[in-house]
C-alpha atoms as a PDB file:
ATOM      1  CA  ALA A   1       0.000   0.000   0.000  1.00  0.00           C
ATOM      2  CA  ILE A   2       2.899   2.381   0.704  1.00  0.00           C
ATOM      3  CA  ILE A   3       4.178   2.250  -2.867  1.00  0.00           C
ATOM      4  CA  GLY A   4       0.732   2.803  -4.394  1.00  0.00           C
ATOM      5  CA  THR A   5      -0.560   5.501  -2.066  1.00  0.00           C
ATOM      6  CA  CYS A   6       2.286   7.321  -0.319  1.00  0.00           C
ATOM      7  CA  TYR A   7       4.144   8.790  -3.269  1.00  0.00           C
ATOM      8  CA  SER A   8       3.033  12.008  -4.956  1.00  0.00           C
ATOM      9  CA  ALA A   9       3.280  12.138  -8.738  1.00  0.00           C
ATOM     10  CA  ASN A  10       6.835  12.517 -10.045  1.00  0.00           C
ATOM     11  CA  LYS A  11       8.391  12.549  -6.554  1.00  0.00           C
ATOM     12  CA  ILE A  12      11.142  10.188  -5.429  1.00  0.00           C
ATOM     13  CA  ARG A  13      10.466  10.672  -1.718  1.00  0.00           C
ATOM     14  CA  VAL A  14       7.471   9.342   0.171  1.00  0.00           C
ATOM     15  CA  ASP A  15       4.893  11.999   1.017  1.00  0.00           C
ATOM     16  CA  GLN A  16       5.207  12.336   4.797  1.00  0.00           C
ATOM     17  CA  GLU A  17       1.543  13.101   5.459  1.00  0.00           C
ATOM     18  CA  ARG A  18       0.299  10.194   3.343  1.00  0.00           C
ATOM     19  CA  PHE A  19       2.792   7.826   4.968  1.00  0.00           C
ATOM     20  CA  LYS A  20       1.830   9.018   8.445  1.00  0.00           C
ATOM     21  CA  ALA A  21      -1.875   8.546   7.711  1.00  0.00           C
ATOM     22  CA  LEU A  22      -1.383   5.043   6.314  1.00  0.00           C
ATOM     23  CA  ILE A  23       0.944   3.758   9.048  1.00  0.00           C
ATOM     24  CA  SER A  24      -1.023   5.422  11.864  1.00  0.00           C
ATOM     25  CA  GLY A  25      -4.215   3.807  10.595  1.00  0.00           C
ATOM     26  CA  TYR A  26      -2.485   0.447  10.308  1.00  0.00           C
ATOM     27  CA  MET A  27      -1.081   0.756  13.804  1.00  0.00           C
ATOM     28  CA  GLN A  28      -4.539   1.278  15.279  1.00  0.00           C
ATOM     29  CA  ARG A  29      -5.042  -2.425  14.574  1.00  0.00           C
ATOM     30  CA  ARG A  30      -1.506  -3.755  14.911  1.00  0.00           C
ATOM     31  CA  CYS A  31       1.788  -2.156  15.901  1.00  0.00           C
ATOM     32  CA  LEU A  32       4.842  -2.660  13.769  1.00  0.00           C
ATOM     33  CA  THR A  33       7.520  -4.798  15.401  1.00  0.00           C
ATOM     34  CA  LYS A  34      11.089  -3.551  15.732  1.00  0.00           C
ATOM     35  CA  GLU A  35      12.074  -5.921  12.925  1.00  0.00           C
ATOM     36  CA  GLU A  36       9.324  -4.644  10.617  1.00  0.00           C
ATOM     37  CA  LYS A  37      10.349  -1.036  11.230  1.00  0.00           C
ATOM     38  CA  ALA A  38      14.003  -1.880  10.621  1.00  0.00           C
ATOM     39  CA  HIS A  39      13.337  -3.698   7.343  1.00  0.00           C
ATOM     40  CA  LEU A  40      10.530  -1.533   5.921  1.00  0.00           C
ATOM     41  CA  PRO A  41      12.763   0.675   3.688  1.00  0.00           C
ATOM     42  CA  ARG A  42      14.472  -2.385   2.154  1.00  0.00           C
ATOM     43  CA  PHE A  43      11.102  -4.073   1.681  1.00  0.00           C
ATOM     44  CA  MET A  44       9.909  -0.932  -0.122  1.00  0.00           C
ATOM     45  CA  GLN A  45      12.942  -1.192  -2.422  1.00  0.00           C
ATOM     46  CA  MET A  46      12.081  -4.802  -3.187  1.00  0.00           C
ATOM     47  CA  ILE A  47       8.452  -3.971  -4.047  1.00  0.00           C
ATOM     48  CA  LEU A  48       9.548  -1.042  -6.216  1.00  0.00           C
ATOM     49  CA  LEU A  49      12.005  -3.328  -8.016  1.00  0.00           C
ATOM     50  CA  MET A  50       9.288  -5.901  -8.706  1.00  0.00           C
ATOM     51  CA  ASN A  51       6.989  -3.183 -10.083  1.00  0.00           C
ATOM     52  CA  CYS A  52       9.832  -1.703 -12.118  1.00  0.00           C
ATOM     53  CA  THR A  53      10.643  -5.111 -13.605  1.00  0.00           C
ATOM     54  CA  TRP A  54       7.002  -5.737 -14.474  1.00  0.00           C
ATOM     55  CA  ARG A  55       6.676  -2.336 -16.169  1.00  0.00           C
ATOM     56  CA  PHE A  56       9.863  -2.871 -18.181  1.00  0.00           C
ATOM     57  CA  LYS A  57       8.786  -6.366 -19.276  1.00  0.00           C
ATOM     58  CA  HIS A  58       5.283  -5.144 -20.097  1.00  0.00           C
ATOM     59  CA  ALA A  59       6.581  -2.274 -22.263  1.00  0.00           C
ATOM     60  CA  TYR A  60       9.567  -3.865 -24.005  1.00  0.00           C
ATOM     61  CA  ILE A  61       8.850  -7.599 -24.126  1.00  0.00           C
ATOM     62  CA  ASP A  62       5.096  -8.143 -23.925  1.00  0.00           C
ATOM     63  CA  HIS A  63       4.099  -5.103 -26.018  1.00  0.00           C
ATOM     64  CA  PRO A  64       7.142  -3.942 -28.019  1.00  0.00           C
ATOM     65  CA  ASP A  65       4.905  -2.306 -30.620  1.00  0.00           C
ATOM     66  CA  LYS A  66       3.299   0.072 -28.082  1.00  0.00           C
ATOM     67  CA  LYS A  67       5.285   3.268 -27.615  1.00  0.00           C
ATOM     68  CA  GLU A  68       3.238   5.026 -24.915  1.00  0.00           C
ATOM     69  CA  ASP A  69       4.336   4.532 -21.302  1.00  0.00           C
ATOM     70  CA  ARG A  70       7.550   3.065 -22.671  1.00  0.00           C
ATOM     71  CA  ASN A  71       9.652   4.516 -19.876  1.00  0.00           C
ATOM     72  CA  SER A  72       7.215   4.223 -16.987  1.00  0.00           C
ATOM     73  CA  HIS A  73       9.739   2.033 -15.185  1.00  0.00           C
ATOM     74  CA  VAL A  74      12.220   4.922 -14.919  1.00  0.00           C
ATOM     75  CA  GLU A  75      10.203   6.689 -12.204  1.00  0.00           C
ATOM     76  CA  LEU A  76      10.326   3.553 -10.047  1.00  0.00           C
ATOM     77  CA  GLN A  77      13.997   3.105 -10.793  1.00  0.00           C
ATOM     78  CA  GLU A  78      14.684   6.602  -9.419  1.00  0.00           C
ATOM     79  CA  LYS A  79      12.755   5.809  -6.226  1.00  0.00           C
ATOM     80  CA  ILE A  80      14.779   2.615  -5.754  1.00  0.00           C
ATOM     81  CA  LEU A  81      18.048   4.501  -6.180  1.00  0.00           C
ATOM     82  CA  TYR A  82      16.938   7.196  -3.725  1.00  0.00           C
ATOM     83  CA  LEU A  83      16.136   4.588  -1.073  1.00  0.00           C
ATOM     84  CA  LYS A  84      19.536   3.010  -1.716  1.00  0.00           C
ATOM     85  CA  GLU A  85      21.337   6.281  -0.963  1.00  0.00           C
ATOM     86  CA  GLU A  86      22.250   7.179   2.601  1.00  0.00           C
ATOM     87  CA  GLU A  87      19.999  10.265   2.476  1.00  0.00           C
ATOM     88  CA  GLY A  88      16.981   8.270   1.349  1.00  0.00           C
ATOM     89  CA  MET A  89      17.507   5.531   3.915  1.00  0.00           C
ATOM     90  CA  ALA A  90      17.987   8.091   6.718  1.00  0.00           C
ATOM     91  CA  PHE A  91      14.833   9.942   5.617  1.00  0.00           C
ATOM     92  CA  MET A  92      12.735   6.765   5.738  1.00  0.00           C
ATOM     93  CA  LYS A  93      14.143   5.543   9.052  1.00  0.00           C
ATOM     94  CA  THR A  94      13.494   8.922  10.679  1.00  0.00           C
ATOM     95  CA  LEU A  95       9.992   9.056   9.231  1.00  0.00           C
ATOM     96  CA  ILE A  96       9.205   5.540  10.485  1.00  0.00           C
ATOM     97  CA  GLU A  97      10.520   6.323  13.962  1.00  0.00           C
ATOM     98  CA  ASN A  98       8.541   9.593  14.129  1.00  0.00           C
ATOM     99  CA  VAL A  99       5.299   7.928  13.060  1.00  0.00           C
ATOM    100  CA  CYS A 100       5.799   4.956  15.380  1.00  0.00           C
ATOM    101  CA  ALA A 101       7.186   6.881  18.375  1.00  0.00           C
ATOM    102  CA  GLY A 102       5.837   5.528  21.627  1.00  0.00           C
ATOM    103  CA  ARG A 103       3.814   2.870  19.863  1.00  0.00           C
ATOM    104  CA  ASP A 104       6.177  -0.065  19.980  1.00  0.00           C
ATOM    105  CA  GLU A 105       4.855  -3.574  20.164  1.00  0.00           C
ATOM    106  CA  GLU A 106       6.019  -3.710  23.789  1.00  0.00           C
ATOM    107  CA  ASN A 107       3.646  -0.835  24.671  1.00  0.00           C
ATOM    108  CA  VAL A 108       0.570  -2.647  23.420  1.00  0.00           C
ATOM    109  CA  PRO A 109      -1.607  -4.122  26.187  1.00  0.00           C
ATOM    110  CA  PRO A 110      -1.535  -7.964  26.240  1.00  0.00           C
ATOM    111  CA  CYS A 111      -5.237  -8.205  25.438  1.00  0.00           C
ATOM    112  CA  VAL A 112      -4.743  -6.178  22.237  1.00  0.00           C
ATOM    113  CA  LYS A 113      -1.808  -8.415  21.231  1.00  0.00           C
ATOM    114  CA  ILE A 114      -4.037 -11.458  21.619  1.00  0.00           C
ATOM    115  CA  ILE A 115      -6.851  -9.870  19.595  1.00  0.00           C
ATOM    116  CA  CYS A 116      -4.456  -8.804  16.806  1.00  0.00           C
ATOM    117  CA  THR A 117      -2.947 -12.289  16.710  1.00  0.00           C
ATOM    118  CA  VAL A 118      -6.384 -13.836  16.265  1.00  0.00           C
ATOM    119  CA  LEU A 119      -7.365 -11.371  13.535  1.00  0.00           C
END
């Protein structure tokens, strides 16, 4: 959901307000674990890479005769490279920590953990 909803058009950085809204809403049901928070930027890179690969294959292999949207993969490629850079990784880690501050899995009451596990 982050890749599809948290980026503004033609931007390589996640929109902070969209990201905050999505993650805050998610965390009303289930808090992110320390491991999930730590790996989220790399997971985002992986999802972007899969989308980028699909777009490239779709444009150049599956439909080589179609010229429109030929370079739609480039936008995703730029987002991947930004997340790979130190600045991009630092931006995402800070954003995740700010959104999740004080809402660690350890701070969730046991009854909520049980309910979230069942759901």
